[in-house]
Amino acid sequence: MITFLKRLRLRLIWSWAGVVLAWKEEHSFRSWVWANLVSGGLALWLPLETAERALILALGVLVLAAELFNTAIERAVDYISEEPHPLAGRAKDAGSAAVAVTASFRATDHHQ
């Protein structure tokens, strides 16, 4: 059990370091955080059902996760080579598309 707790602690430290780095270096991540704070605040303030609030908050977290995956893809591609290559561009475009698809689900979520 102690080994599990030590590993869990390290995972939390590394994960938080990734979030902090994304906050410092990625404008898009910061933009999504602010958008989530606004939409999350509205979700809690507006007269919505519990399930609707949960969906808005969960989709916001999902967009942040997609943005972090996109950041990881971009950094890995740039680490391998900074020279333009069609496959590198496709990888980066796919990461960006993942964020856009995730965000579009968030944007279409609305109270009926």
PDB file of N, CA and C in Angstrom:
ATOM      1  N   MET A   1       0.824  -1.207   0.000  1.00  0.00           N
ATOM      2  CA  MET A   1       0.000   0.000   0.000  1.00  0.00           C
ATOM      3  C   MET A   1       0.863   1.264   0.000  1.00  0.00           C
ATOM      4  N   ILE A   2       1.988   1.214   0.709  1.00  0.00           N
ATOM      5  CA  ILE A   2       2.867   2.387   0.769  1.00  0.00           C
ATOM      6  C   ILE A   2       3.458   2.675  -0.609  1.00  0.00           C
ATOM      7  N   THR A   3       3.840   1.616  -1.338  1.00  0.00           N
ATOM      8  CA  THR A   3       4.379   1.810  -2.685  1.00  0.00           C
ATOM      9  C   THR A   3       3.329   2.457  -3.587  1.00  0.00           C
ATOM     10  N   PHE A   4       2.092   1.996  -3.485  1.00  0.00           N
ATOM     11  CA  PHE A   4       1.011   2.582  -4.271  1.00  0.00           C
ATOM     12  C   PHE A   4       0.867   4.065  -3.962  1.00  0.00           C
ATOM     13  N   LEU A   5       0.882   4.425  -2.700  1.00  0.00           N
ATOM     14  CA  LEU A   5       0.724   5.828  -2.303  1.00  0.00           C
ATOM     15  C   LEU A   5       1.897   6.678  -2.766  1.00  0.00           C
ATOM     16  N   LYS A   6       3.103   6.130  -2.720  1.00  0.00           N
ATOM     17  CA  LYS A   6       4.275   6.863  -3.205  1.00  0.00           C
ATOM     18  C   LYS A   6       4.165   7.108  -4.710  1.00  0.00           C
ATOM     19  N   ARG A   7       3.751   6.079  -5.446  1.00  0.00           N
ATOM     20  CA  ARG A   7       3.598   6.228  -6.896  1.00  0.00           C
ATOM     21  C   ARG A   7       2.470   7.193  -7.235  1.00  0.00           C
ATOM     22  N   LEU A   8       1.388   7.111  -6.482  1.00  0.00           N
ATOM     23  CA  LEU A   8       0.271   8.040  -6.694  1.00  0.00           C
ATOM     24  C   LEU A   8       0.729   9.469  -6.462  1.00  0.00           C
ATOM     25  N   ARG A   9       1.487   9.683  -5.407  1.00  0.00           N
ATOM     26  CA  ARG A   9       2.014  11.021  -5.105  1.00  0.00           C
ATOM     27  C   ARG A   9       2.871  11.538  -6.264  1.00  0.00           C
ATOM     28  N   LEU A  10       3.764  10.680  -6.778  1.00  0.00           N
ATOM     29  CA  LEU A  10       4.614  11.091  -7.903  1.00  0.00           C
ATOM     30  C   LEU A  10       3.778  11.402  -9.145  1.00  0.00           C
ATOM     31  N   ARG A  11       2.770  10.582  -9.412  1.00  0.00           N
ATOM     32  CA  ARG A  11       1.907  10.841 -10.576  1.00  0.00           C
ATOM     33  C   ARG A  11       1.195  12.179 -10.442  1.00  0.00           C
ATOM     34  N   LEU A  12       0.731  12.477  -9.248  1.00  0.00           N
ATOM     35  CA  LEU A  12       0.067  13.759  -9.024  1.00  0.00           C
ATOM     36  C   LEU A  12       1.032  14.921  -9.221  1.00  0.00           C
ATOM     37  N   ILE A  13       2.254  14.774  -8.731  1.00  0.00           N
ATOM     38  CA  ILE A  13       3.268  15.827  -8.896  1.00  0.00           C
ATOM     39  C   ILE A  13       3.569  16.043 -10.376  1.00  0.00           C
ATOM     40  N   TRP A  14       3.779  14.959 -11.111  1.00  0.00           N
ATOM     41  CA  TRP A  14       4.101  15.073 -12.541  1.00  0.00           C
ATOM     42  C   TRP A  14       2.922  15.649 -13.327  1.00  0.00           C
ATOM     43  N   SER A  15       1.731  15.208 -12.994  1.00  0.00           N
ATOM     44  CA  SER A  15       0.552  15.720 -13.694  1.00  0.00           C
ATOM     45  C   SER A  15       0.366  17.201 -13.441  1.00  0.00           C
ATOM     46  N   TRP A  16       0.510  17.605 -12.195  1.00  0.00           N
ATOM     47  CA  TRP A  16       0.362  19.028 -11.877  1.00  0.00           C
ATOM     48  C   TRP A  16       1.433  19.851 -12.586  1.00  0.00           C
ATOM     49  N   ALA A  17       2.649  19.311 -12.679  1.00  0.00           N
ATOM     50  CA  ALA A  17       3.727  20.009 -13.394  1.00  0.00           C
ATOM     51  C   ALA A  17       3.337  20.206 -14.860  1.00  0.00           C
ATOM     52  N   GLY A  18       2.680  19.229 -15.459  1.00  0.00           N
ATOM     53  CA  GLY A  18       2.222  19.359 -16.841  1.00  0.00           C
ATOM     54  C   GLY A  18       1.168  20.435 -16.992  1.00  0.00           C
ATOM     55  N   VAL A  19       0.252  20.506 -16.036  1.00  0.00           N
ATOM     56  CA  VAL A  19      -0.775  21.547 -16.071  1.00  0.00           C
ATOM     57  C   VAL A  19      -0.143  22.927 -15.924  1.00  0.00           C
ATOM     58  N   VAL A  20       0.779  23.064 -14.979  1.00  0.00           N
ATOM     59  CA  VAL A  20       1.445  24.353 -14.755  1.00  0.00           C
ATOM     60  C   VAL A  20       2.214  24.776 -16.001  1.00  0.00           C
ATOM     61  N   LEU A  21       2.919  23.841 -16.613  1.00  0.00           N
ATOM     62  CA  LEU A  21       3.677  24.161 -17.828  1.00  0.00           C
ATOM     63  C   LEU A  21       2.742  24.580 -18.965  1.00  0.00           C
ATOM     64  N   ALA A  22       1.634  23.862 -19.120  1.00  0.00           N
ATOM     65  CA  ALA A  22       0.664  24.237 -20.165  1.00  0.00           C
ATOM     66  C   ALA A  22       0.111  25.632 -19.894  1.00  0.00           C
ATOM     67  N   TRP A  23      -0.175  25.931 -18.632  1.00  0.00           N
ATOM     68  CA  TRP A  23      -0.682  27.259 -18.276  1.00  0.00           C
ATOM     69  C   TRP A  23       0.336  28.339 -18.637  1.00  0.00           C
ATOM     70  N   LYS A  24       1.596  28.084 -18.348  1.00  0.00           N
ATOM     71  CA  LYS A  24       2.646  29.081 -18.599  1.00  0.00           C
ATOM     72  C   LYS A  24       2.946  29.264 -20.082  1.00  0.00           C
ATOM     73  N   GLU A  25       2.881  28.172 -20.852  1.00  0.00           N
ATOM     74  CA  GLU A  25       3.390  28.221 -22.221  1.00  0.00           C
ATOM     75  C   GLU A  25       2.336  28.151 -23.321  1.00  0.00           C
ATOM     76  N   GLU A  26       1.117  27.785 -22.988  1.00  0.00           N
ATOM     77  CA  GLU A  26       0.111  27.562 -24.029  1.00  0.00           C
ATOM     78  C   GLU A  26      -1.050  28.542 -23.887  1.00  0.00           C
ATOM     79  N   HIS A  27      -1.090  29.514 -24.782  1.00  0.00           N
ATOM     80  CA  HIS A  27      -2.168  30.505 -24.771  1.00  0.00           C
ATOM     81  C   HIS A  27      -3.536  29.832 -24.912  1.00  0.00           C
ATOM     82  N   SER A  28      -3.607  28.841 -25.783  1.00  0.00           N
ATOM     83  CA  SER A  28      -4.882  28.167 -26.025  1.00  0.00           C
ATOM     84  C   SER A  28      -5.388  27.471 -24.756  1.00  0.00           C
ATOM     85  N   PHE A  29      -4.493  26.861 -24.002  1.00  0.00           N
ATOM     86  CA  PHE A  29      -4.897  26.208 -22.757  1.00  0.00           C
ATOM     87  C   PHE A  29      -5.450  27.243 -21.779  1.00  0.00           C
ATOM     88  N   ARG A  30      -4.756  28.353 -21.642  1.00  0.00           N
ATOM     89  CA  ARG A  30      -5.245  29.409 -20.742  1.00  0.00           C
ATOM     90  C   ARG A  30      -6.611  29.921 -21.189  1.00  0.00           C
ATOM     91  N   SER A  31      -6.797  30.070 -22.491  1.00  0.00           N
ATOM     92  CA  SER A  31      -8.093  30.534 -23.010  1.00  0.00           C
ATOM     93  C   SER A  31      -9.208  29.568 -22.640  1.00  0.00           C
ATOM     94  N   TRP A  32      -8.956  28.268 -22.777  1.00  0.00           N
ATOM     95  CA  TRP A  32      -9.970  27.277 -22.421  1.00  0.00           C
ATOM     96  C   TRP A  32     -10.235  27.253 -20.922  1.00  0.00           C
ATOM     97  N   VAL A  33      -9.196  27.463 -20.120  1.00  0.00           N
ATOM     98  CA  VAL A  33      -9.413  27.520 -18.668  1.00  0.00           C
ATOM     99  C   VAL A  33     -10.355  28.669 -18.340  1.00  0.00           C
ATOM    100  N   TRP A  34     -10.112  29.842 -18.912  1.00  0.00           N
ATOM    101  CA  TRP A  34     -10.976  31.000 -18.648  1.00  0.00           C
ATOM    102  C   TRP A  34     -12.392  30.748 -19.150  1.00  0.00           C
ATOM    103  N   ALA A  35     -12.510  30.139 -20.340  1.00  0.00           N
ATOM    104  CA  ALA A  35     -13.840  29.817 -20.870  1.00  0.00           C
ATOM    105  C   ALA A  35     -14.573  28.846 -19.932  1.00  0.00           C
ATOM    106  N   ASN A  36     -13.835  27.893 -19.380  1.00  0.00           N
ATOM    107  CA  ASN A  36     -14.442  26.940 -18.448  1.00  0.00           C
ATOM    108  C   ASN A  36     -14.856  27.604 -17.143  1.00  0.00           C
ATOM    109  N   LEU A  37     -14.071  28.548 -16.680  1.00  0.00           N
ATOM    110  CA  LEU A  37     -14.448  29.254 -15.448  1.00  0.00           C
ATOM    111  C   LEU A  37     -15.752  30.032 -15.651  1.00  0.00           C
ATOM    112  N   VAL A  38     -15.867  30.677 -16.803  1.00  0.00           N
ATOM    113  CA  VAL A  38     -17.083  31.437 -17.094  1.00  0.00           C
ATOM    114  C   VAL A  38     -18.273  30.495 -17.256  1.00  0.00           C
ATOM    115  N   SER A  39     -18.126  29.473 -18.106  1.00  0.00           N
ATOM    116  CA  SER A  39     -19.257  28.576 -18.349  1.00  0.00           C
ATOM    117  C   SER A  39     -19.591  27.757 -17.104  1.00  0.00           C
ATOM    118  N   GLY A  40     -18.567  27.374 -16.341  1.00  0.00           N
ATOM    119  CA  GLY A  40     -18.827  26.648 -15.100  1.00  0.00           C
ATOM    120  C   GLY A  40     -19.558  27.511 -14.088  1.00  0.00           C
ATOM    121  N   GLY A  41     -19.152  28.762 -13.987  1.00  0.00           N
ATOM    122  CA  GLY A  41     -19.845  29.689 -13.091  1.00  0.00           C
ATOM    123  C   GLY A  41     -21.296  29.883 -13.498  1.00  0.00           C
ATOM    124  N   LEU A  42     -21.518  30.040 -14.805  1.00  0.00           N
ATOM    125  CA  LEU A  42     -22.893  30.187 -15.295  1.00  0.00           C
ATOM    126  C   LEU A  42     -23.701  28.906 -15.065  1.00  0.00           C
ATOM    127  N   ALA A  43     -23.060  27.760 -15.251  1.00  0.00           N
ATOM    128  CA  ALA A  43     -23.753  26.484 -15.036  1.00  0.00           C
ATOM    129  C   ALA A  43     -24.200  26.343 -13.588  1.00  0.00           C
ATOM    130  N   LEU A  44     -23.400  26.849 -12.679  1.00  0.00           N
ATOM    131  CA  LEU A  44     -23.759  26.766 -11.268  1.00  0.00           C
ATOM    132  C   LEU A  44     -24.777  27.832 -10.876  1.00  0.00           C
ATOM    133  N   TRP A  45     -24.776  28.948 -11.576  1.00  0.00           N
ATOM    134  CA  TRP A  45     -25.651  30.075 -11.235  1.00  0.00           C
ATOM    135  C   TRP A  45     -27.029  29.965 -11.881  1.00  0.00           C
ATOM    136  N   LEU A  46     -27.068  29.507 -13.135  1.00  0.00           N
ATOM    137  CA  LEU A  46     -28.336  29.428 -13.862  1.00  0.00           C
ATOM    138  C   LEU A  46     -29.213  28.294 -13.322  1.00  0.00           C
ATOM    139  N   PRO A  47     -30.524  28.420 -13.514  1.00  0.00           N
ATOM    140  CA  PRO A  47     -31.432  27.371 -13.024  1.00  0.00           C
ATOM    141  C   PRO A  47     -31.438  26.149 -13.957  1.00  0.00           C
ATOM    142  N   LEU A  48     -30.424  25.318 -13.824  1.00  0.00           N
ATOM    143  CA  LEU A  48     -30.289  24.117 -14.652  1.00  0.00           C
ATOM    144  C   LEU A  48     -30.496  22.871 -13.800  1.00  0.00           C
ATOM    145  N   GLU A  49     -30.818  21.792 -14.478  1.00  0.00           N
ATOM    146  CA  GLU A  49     -30.900  20.500 -13.793  1.00  0.00           C
ATOM    147  C   GLU A  49     -29.485  20.050 -13.419  1.00  0.00           C
ATOM    148  N   THR A  50     -29.398  19.195 -12.426  1.00  0.00           N
ATOM    149  CA  THR A  50     -28.096  18.689 -11.976  1.00  0.00           C
ATOM    150  C   THR A  50     -27.342  18.007 -13.110  1.00  0.00           C
ATOM    151  N   ALA A  51     -28.037  17.220 -13.909  1.00  0.00           N
ATOM    152  CA  ALA A  51     -27.397  16.521 -15.031  1.00  0.00           C
ATOM    153  C   ALA A  51     -26.852  17.506 -16.066  1.00  0.00           C
ATOM    154  N   GLU A  52     -27.568  18.587 -16.289  1.00  0.00           N
ATOM    155  CA  GLU A  52     -27.108  19.600 -17.243  1.00  0.00           C
ATOM    156  C   GLU A  52     -25.848  20.288 -16.727  1.00  0.00           C
ATOM    157  N   ARG A  53     -25.845  20.611 -15.456  1.00  0.00           N
ATOM    158  CA  ARG A  53     -24.644  21.220 -14.857  1.00  0.00           C
ATOM    159  C   ARG A  53     -23.450  20.281 -14.977  1.00  0.00           C
ATOM    160  N   ALA A  54     -23.695  19.029 -14.634  1.00  0.00           N
ATOM    161  CA  ALA A  54     -22.617  18.034 -14.686  1.00  0.00           C
ATOM    162  C   ALA A  54     -22.072  17.889 -16.103  1.00  0.00           C
ATOM    163  N   LEU A  55     -22.956  17.899 -17.083  1.00  0.00           N
ATOM    164  CA  LEU A  55     -22.531  17.768 -18.477  1.00  0.00           C
ATOM    165  C   LEU A  55     -21.688  18.964 -18.907  1.00  0.00           C
ATOM    166  N   ILE A  56     -22.108  20.153 -18.564  1.00  0.00           N
ATOM    167  CA  ILE A  56     -21.341  21.356 -18.915  1.00  0.00           C
ATOM    168  C   ILE A  56     -19.954  21.301 -18.279  1.00  0.00           C
ATOM    169  N   LEU A  57     -19.887  20.954 -17.013  1.00  0.00           N
ATOM    170  CA  LEU A  57     -18.602  20.892 -16.313  1.00  0.00           C
ATOM    171  C   LEU A  57     -17.724  19.772 -16.867  1.00  0.00           C
ATOM    172  N   ALA A  58     -18.314  18.604 -17.114  1.00  0.00           N
ATOM    173  CA  ALA A  58     -17.541  17.469 -17.629  1.00  0.00           C
ATOM    174  C   ALA A  58     -17.002  17.749 -19.026  1.00  0.00           C
ATOM    175  N   LEU A  59     -17.820  18.347 -19.886  1.00  0.00           N
ATOM    176  CA  LEU A  59     -17.358  18.657 -21.235  1.00  0.00           C
ATOM    177  C   LEU A  59     -16.251  19.712 -21.207  1.00  0.00           C
ATOM    178  N   GLY A  60     -16.325  20.628 -20.254  1.00  0.00           N
ATOM    179  CA  GLY A  60     -15.255  21.611 -20.110  1.00  0.00           C
ATOM    180  C   GLY A  60     -13.935  20.956 -19.749  1.00  0.00           C
ATOM    181  N   VAL A  61     -13.980  20.007 -18.839  1.00  0.00           N
ATOM    182  CA  VAL A  61     -12.764  19.271 -18.462  1.00  0.00           C
ATOM    183  C   VAL A  61     -12.255  18.462 -19.647  1.00  0.00           C
ATOM    184  N   LEU A  62     -13.171  17.898 -20.428  1.00  0.00           N
ATOM    185  CA  LEU A  62     -12.779  17.127 -21.606  1.00  0.00           C
ATOM    186  C   LEU A  62     -12.055  18.009 -22.633  1.00  0.00           C
ATOM    187  N   VAL A  63     -12.517  19.227 -22.816  1.00  0.00           N
ATOM    188  CA  VAL A  63     -11.834  20.151 -23.734  1.00  0.00           C
ATOM    189  C   VAL A  63     -10.417  20.437 -23.230  1.00  0.00           C
ATOM    190  N   LEU A  64     -10.266  20.631 -21.928  1.00  0.00           N
ATOM    191  CA  LEU A  64      -8.925  20.862 -21.377  1.00  0.00           C
ATOM    192  C   LEU A  64      -8.024  19.650 -21.600  1.00  0.00           C
ATOM    193  N   ALA A  65      -8.565  18.464 -21.415  1.00  0.00           N
ATOM    194  CA  ALA A  65      -7.773  17.248 -21.648  1.00  0.00           C
ATOM    195  C   ALA A  65      -7.361  17.151 -23.115  1.00  0.00           C
ATOM    196  N   ALA A  66      -8.273  17.451 -24.028  1.00  0.00           N
ATOM    197  CA  ALA A  66      -7.949  17.422 -25.457  1.00  0.00           C
ATOM    198  C   ALA A  66      -6.850  18.430 -25.776  1.00  0.00           C
ATOM    199  N   GLU A  67      -6.922  19.599 -25.167  1.00  0.00           N
ATOM    200  CA  GLU A  67      -5.891  20.620 -25.395  1.00  0.00           C
ATOM    201  C   GLU A  67      -4.533  20.148 -24.872  1.00  0.00           C
ATOM    202  N   LEU A  68      -4.535  19.455 -23.743  1.00  0.00           N
ATOM    203  CA  LEU A  68      -3.272  18.920 -23.212  1.00  0.00           C
ATOM    204  C   LEU A  68      -2.713  17.831 -24.125  1.00  0.00           C
ATOM    205  N   PHE A  69      -3.580  16.966 -24.669  1.00  0.00           N
ATOM    206  CA  PHE A  69      -3.120  15.972 -25.647  1.00  0.00           C
ATOM    207  C   PHE A  69      -2.536  16.659 -26.878  1.00  0.00           C
ATOM    208  N   ASN A  70      -3.202  17.693 -27.359  1.00  0.00           N
ATOM    209  CA  ASN A  70      -2.715  18.431 -28.518  1.00  0.00           C
ATOM    210  C   ASN A  70      -1.343  19.036 -28.233  1.00  0.00           C
ATOM    211  N   THR A  71      -1.185  19.594 -27.049  1.00  0.00           N
ATOM    212  CA  THR A  71       0.107  20.157 -26.663  1.00  0.00           C
ATOM    213  C   THR A  71       1.186  19.082 -26.648  1.00  0.00           C
ATOM    214  N   ALA A  72       0.856  17.911 -26.123  1.00  0.00           N
ATOM    215  CA  ALA A  72       1.825  16.807 -26.084  1.00  0.00           C
ATOM    216  C   ALA A  72       2.234  16.387 -27.493  1.00  0.00           C
ATOM    217  N   ILE A  73       1.263  16.298 -28.391  1.00  0.00           N
ATOM    218  CA  ILE A  73       1.560  15.930 -29.777  1.00  0.00           C
ATOM    219  C   ILE A  73       2.475  16.968 -30.416  1.00  0.00           C
ATOM    220  N   GLU A  74       2.136  18.238 -30.255  1.00  0.00           N
ATOM    221  CA  GLU A  74       2.947  19.302 -30.858  1.00  0.00           C
ATOM    222  C   GLU A  74       4.374  19.289 -30.324  1.00  0.00           C
ATOM    223  N   ARG A  75       4.529  19.102 -29.026  1.00  0.00           N
ATOM    224  CA  ARG A  75       5.881  19.088 -28.449  1.00  0.00           C
ATOM    225  C   ARG A  75       6.681  17.883 -28.911  1.00  0.00           C
ATOM    226  N   ALA A  76       6.040  16.720 -28.984  1.00  0.00           N
ATOM    227  CA  ALA A  76       6.748  15.520 -29.447  1.00  0.00           C
ATOM    228  C   ALA A  76       7.187  15.682 -30.897  1.00  0.00           C
ATOM    229  N   VAL A  77       6.310  16.207 -31.736  1.00  0.00           N
ATOM    230  CA  VAL A  77       6.651  16.426 -33.147  1.00  0.00           C
ATOM    231  C   VAL A  77       7.795  17.425 -33.259  1.00  0.00           C
ATOM    232  N   ASP A  78       7.730  18.522 -32.514  1.00  0.00           N
ATOM    233  CA  ASP A  78       8.793  19.532 -32.577  1.00  0.00           C
ATOM    234  C   ASP A  78      10.113  19.004 -32.020  1.00  0.00           C
ATOM    235  N   TYR A  79      10.052  18.096 -31.054  1.00  0.00           N
ATOM    236  CA  TYR A  79      11.268  17.512 -30.500  1.00  0.00           C
ATOM    237  C   TYR A  79      11.979  16.661 -31.540  1.00  0.00           C
ATOM    238  N   ILE A  80      11.207  15.914 -32.308  1.00  0.00           N
ATOM    239  CA  ILE A  80      11.791  15.023 -33.306  1.00  0.00           C
ATOM    240  C   ILE A  80      12.459  15.824 -34.413  1.00  0.00           C
ATOM    241  N   SER A  81      11.798  16.874 -34.886  1.00  0.00           N
ATOM    242  CA  SER A  81      12.374  17.710 -35.934  1.00  0.00           C
ATOM    243  C   SER A  81      11.572  18.991 -36.051  1.00  0.00           C
ATOM    244  N   GLU A  82      12.282  20.078 -36.222  1.00  0.00           N
ATOM    245  CA  GLU A  82      11.598  21.353 -36.443  1.00  0.00           C
ATOM    246  C   GLU A  82      11.452  21.662 -37.925  1.00  0.00           C
ATOM    247  N   GLU A  83      12.013  20.786 -38.763  1.00  0.00           N
ATOM    248  CA  GLU A  83      11.861  20.973 -40.207  1.00  0.00           C
ATOM    249  C   GLU A  83      10.452  20.574 -40.623  1.00  0.00           C
ATOM    250  N   PRO A  84       9.853  21.349 -41.527  1.00  0.00           N
ATOM    251  CA  PRO A  84       8.499  21.012 -41.976  1.00  0.00           C
ATOM    252  C   PRO A  84       8.460  19.636 -42.653  1.00  0.00           C
ATOM    253  N   HIS A  85       7.459  18.864 -42.322  1.00  0.00           N
ATOM    254  CA  HIS A  85       7.256  17.562 -42.940  1.00  0.00           C
ATOM    255  C   HIS A  85       5.751  17.319 -43.009  1.00  0.00           C
ATOM    256  N   PRO A  86       5.263  16.766 -44.116  1.00  0.00           N
ATOM    257  CA  PRO A  86       3.817  16.572 -44.250  1.00  0.00           C
ATOM    258  C   PRO A  86       3.202  15.747 -43.112  1.00  0.00           C
ATOM    259  N   LEU A  87       3.888  14.702 -42.657  1.00  0.00           N
ATOM    260  CA  LEU A  87       3.344  13.885 -41.574  1.00  0.00           C
ATOM    261  C   LEU A  87       3.324  14.642 -40.247  1.00  0.00           C
ATOM    262  N   ALA A  88       4.318  15.474 -40.018  1.00  0.00           N
ATOM    263  CA  ALA A  88       4.329  16.288 -38.799  1.00  0.00           C
ATOM    264  C   ALA A  88       3.154  17.260 -38.820  1.00  0.00           C
ATOM    265  N   GLY A  89       2.923  17.865 -39.966  1.00  0.00           N
ATOM    266  CA  GLY A  89       1.789  18.781 -40.102  1.00  0.00           C
ATOM    267  C   GLY A  89       0.465  18.069 -39.899  1.00  0.00           C
ATOM    268  N   ARG A  90       0.360  16.858 -40.419  1.00  0.00           N
ATOM    269  CA  ARG A  90      -0.873  16.088 -40.249  1.00  0.00           C
ATOM    270  C   ARG A  90      -1.102  15.726 -38.784  1.00  0.00           C
ATOM    271  N   ALA A  91      -0.033  15.364 -38.093  1.00  0.00           N
ATOM    272  CA  ALA A  91      -0.161  15.026 -36.671  1.00  0.00           C
ATOM    273  C   ALA A  91      -0.640  16.234 -35.876  1.00  0.00           C
ATOM    274  N   LYS A  92      -0.046  17.377 -36.155  1.00  0.00           N
ATOM    275  CA  LYS A  92      -0.455  18.593 -35.450  1.00  0.00           C
ATOM    276  C   LYS A  92      -1.886  18.984 -35.806  1.00  0.00           C
ATOM    277  N   ASP A  93      -2.243  18.848 -37.072  1.00  0.00           N
ATOM    278  CA  ASP A  93      -3.615  19.166 -37.495  1.00  0.00           C
ATOM    279  C   ASP A  93      -4.624  18.236 -36.833  1.00  0.00           C
ATOM    280  N   ALA A  94      -4.266  16.960 -36.704  1.00  0.00           N
ATOM    281  CA  ALA A  94      -5.172  15.998 -36.072  1.00  0.00           C
ATOM    282  C   ALA A  94      -5.373  16.341 -34.594  1.00  0.00           C
ATOM    283  N   GLY A  95      -4.301  16.742 -33.923  1.00  0.00           N
ATOM    284  CA  GLY A  95      -4.425  17.160 -32.526  1.00  0.00           C
ATOM    285  C   GLY A  95      -5.318  18.376 -32.387  1.00  0.00           C
ATOM    286  N   SER A  96      -5.138  19.321 -33.276  1.00  0.00           N
ATOM    287  CA  SER A  96      -5.970  20.518 -33.264  1.00  0.00           C
ATOM    288  C   SER A  96      -7.421  20.171 -33.569  1.00  0.00           C
ATOM    289  N   ALA A  97      -7.627  19.258 -34.493  1.00  0.00           N
ATOM    290  CA  ALA A  97      -8.991  18.831 -34.832  1.00  0.00           C
ATOM    291  C   ALA A  97      -9.660  18.152 -33.640  1.00  0.00           C
ATOM    292  N   ALA A  98      -8.886  17.403 -32.863  1.00  0.00           N
ATOM    293  CA  ALA A  98      -9.452  16.756 -31.673  1.00  0.00           C
ATOM    294  C   ALA A  98      -9.980  17.795 -30.690  1.00  0.00           C
ATOM    295  N   VAL A  99      -9.245  18.869 -30.521  1.00  0.00           N
ATOM    296  CA  VAL A  99      -9.709  19.946 -29.640  1.00  0.00           C
ATOM    297  C   VAL A  99     -10.969  20.576 -30.228  1.00  0.00           C
ATOM    298  N   ALA A 100     -10.968  20.831 -31.527  1.00  0.00           N
ATOM    299  CA  ALA A 100     -12.121  21.461 -32.164  1.00  0.00           C
ATOM    300  C   ALA A 100     -13.368  20.583 -32.066  1.00  0.00           C
ATOM    301  N   VAL A 101     -13.220  19.280 -32.284  1.00  0.00           N
ATOM    302  CA  VAL A 101     -14.364  18.376 -32.192  1.00  0.00           C
ATOM    303  C   VAL A 101     -14.896  18.347 -30.766  1.00  0.00           C
ATOM    304  N   THR A 102     -13.992  18.248 -29.806  1.00  0.00           N
ATOM    305  CA  THR A 102     -14.399  18.232 -28.402  1.00  0.00           C
ATOM    306  C   THR A 102     -15.099  19.536 -28.034  1.00  0.00           C
ATOM    307  N   ALA A 103     -14.541  20.642 -28.465  1.00  0.00           N
ATOM    308  CA  ALA A 103     -15.134  21.946 -28.154  1.00  0.00           C
ATOM    309  C   ALA A 103     -16.478  22.117 -28.856  1.00  0.00           C
ATOM    310  N   SER A 104     -16.639  21.536 -30.043  1.00  0.00           N
ATOM    311  CA  SER A 104     -17.911  21.689 -30.748  1.00  0.00           C
ATOM    312  C   SER A 104     -19.029  20.956 -30.022  1.00  0.00           C
ATOM    313  N   PHE A 105     -18.716  19.842 -29.378  1.00  0.00           N
ATOM    314  CA  PHE A 105     -19.725  19.171 -28.555  1.00  0.00           C
ATOM    315  C   PHE A 105     -20.101  20.047 -27.381  1.00  0.00           C
ATOM    316  N   ARG A 106     -19.122  20.736 -26.852  1.00  0.00           N
ATOM    317  CA  ARG A 106     -19.374  21.634 -25.724  1.00  0.00           C
ATOM    318  C   ARG A 106     -20.240  22.799 -26.175  1.00  0.00           C
ATOM    319  N   ALA A 107     -19.949  23.323 -27.350  1.00  0.00           N
ATOM    320  CA  ALA A 107     -20.691  24.486 -27.842  1.00  0.00           C
ATOM    321  C   ALA A 107     -22.136  24.142 -28.181  1.00  0.00           C
ATOM    322  N   THR A 108     -22.380  22.879 -28.555  1.00  0.00           N
ATOM    323  CA  THR A 108     -23.746  22.501 -28.918  1.00  0.00           C
ATOM    324  C   THR A 108     -24.560  22.070 -27.708  1.00  0.00           C
ATOM    325  N   ASP A 109     -23.911  21.915 -26.561  1.00  0.00           N
ATOM    326  CA  ASP A 109     -24.631  21.567 -25.344  1.00  0.00           C
ATOM    327  C   ASP A 109     -25.446  22.769 -24.896  1.00  0.00           C
ATOM    328  N   HIS A 110     -26.770  22.618 -24.805  1.00  0.00           N
ATOM    329  CA  HIS A 110     -27.600  23.747 -24.386  1.00  0.00           C
ATOM    330  C   HIS A 110     -28.875  23.234 -23.729  1.00  0.00           C
ATOM    331  N   HIS A 111     -29.473  24.093 -22.965  1.00  0.00           N
ATOM    332  CA  HIS A 111     -30.695  23.782 -22.253  1.00  0.00           C
ATOM    333  C   HIS A 111     -31.867  23.800 -23.229  1.00  0.00           C
ATOM    334  N   GLN A 112     -32.663  22.757 -23.218  1.00  0.00           N
ATOM    335  CA  GLN A 112     -33.791  22.713 -24.148  1.00  0.00           C
ATOM    336  C   GLN A 112     -35.075  23.073 -23.448  1.00  0.00           C
TER     337      GLN A 112
END
